[in-house]
Amino acid sequence: MLTYVKESFEELKNNVTWLNREKASNLMVVVAVFSILFALATWGVDSLFSKLITLYFEQVLG
């Protein structure tokens, strides 16, 4: 386990290409905006299905 951790840190240090701070910040904003939009779309579809199911059962049972 210790060897695995050492090798992982070594690979992060030597073999991974890190983005500069500006580009990483820009990408973080893109991911955050996309996540918020996706969450809103999911909420919208869920709300629509909920209303449709409620309407359906009101018609069938009511």
Protein backbone atom coordinates (compact mmCIF):
# COMPACT_ATOMS: atom_id res chain seq x y z
CA MET A 1 0.00 0.00 0.00
CA LEU A 2 2.80 2.42 0.86
CA THR A 3 4.50 1.69 -2.46
CA TYR A 4 1.26 2.42 -4.30
CA VAL A 5 0.90 5.81 -2.58
CA LYS A 6 4.54 6.72 -3.27
CA GLU A 7 4.22 5.76 -6.94
CA SER A 8 0.97 7.70 -7.25
CA PHE A 9 2.57 10.87 -5.90
CA GLU A 10 5.58 10.34 -8.13
CA GLU A 11 3.35 10.00 -11.19
CA LEU A 12 1.39 13.12 -10.26
CA LYS A 13 4.64 15.03 -9.89
CA ASN A 14 6.38 13.84 -13.05
CA ASN A 15 3.86 12.55 -15.60
CA VAL A 16 0.74 14.68 -15.20
CA THR A 17 0.41 17.90 -17.18
CA TRP A 18 -1.27 20.48 -14.99
CA LEU A 19 -3.28 23.37 -16.41
CA ASN A 20 -2.41 26.91 -15.48
CA ARG A 21 -4.63 28.59 -12.90
CA GLU A 22 -6.52 30.75 -15.43
CA LYS A 23 -7.49 27.87 -17.70
CA ALA A 24 -8.43 25.66 -14.75
CA SER A 25 -10.66 28.44 -13.36
CA ASN A 26 -12.36 28.90 -16.73
CA LEU A 27 -13.03 25.18 -17.01
CA MET A 28 -14.34 25.09 -13.45
CA VAL A 29 -16.87 27.81 -14.33
CA VAL A 30 -17.96 25.89 -17.45
CA VAL A 31 -18.48 22.72 -15.39
CA ALA A 32 -20.39 24.63 -12.69
CA VAL A 33 -22.70 26.31 -15.23
CA PHE A 34 -23.33 23.02 -17.05
CA SER A 35 -24.06 21.27 -13.75
CA ILE A 36 -26.56 23.96 -12.72
CA LEU A 37 -28.29 23.85 -16.12
CA PHE A 38 -28.45 20.05 -16.03
CA ALA A 39 -29.88 20.12 -12.50
CA LEU A 40 -32.53 22.65 -13.55
CA ALA A 41 -33.45 20.56 -16.60
CA THR A 42 -33.74 17.44 -14.44
CA TRP A 43 -35.89 19.33 -11.92
CA GLY A 44 -38.11 20.59 -14.74
CA VAL A 45 -38.65 17.14 -16.23
CA ASP A 46 -39.28 15.69 -12.77
CA SER A 47 -41.85 18.40 -11.99
CA LEU A 48 -43.58 17.85 -15.32
CA PHE A 49 -43.80 14.08 -14.82
CA SER A 50 -45.04 14.59 -11.27
CA LYS A 51 -47.87 16.85 -12.47
CA LEU A 52 -48.75 14.47 -15.30
CA ILE A 53 -48.90 11.48 -12.95
CA THR A 54 -51.00 13.45 -10.46
CA LEU A 55 -53.39 14.49 -13.24
CA TYR A 56 -53.61 10.92 -14.53
CA PHE A 57 -54.46 9.45 -11.11
CA GLU A 58 -56.98 12.21 -10.41
CA GLN A 59 -58.74 11.28 -13.66
CA VAL A 60 -58.59 7.52 -13.00
CA LEU A 61 -59.47 7.61 -9.29
CA GLY A 62 -61.43 10.83 -9.15
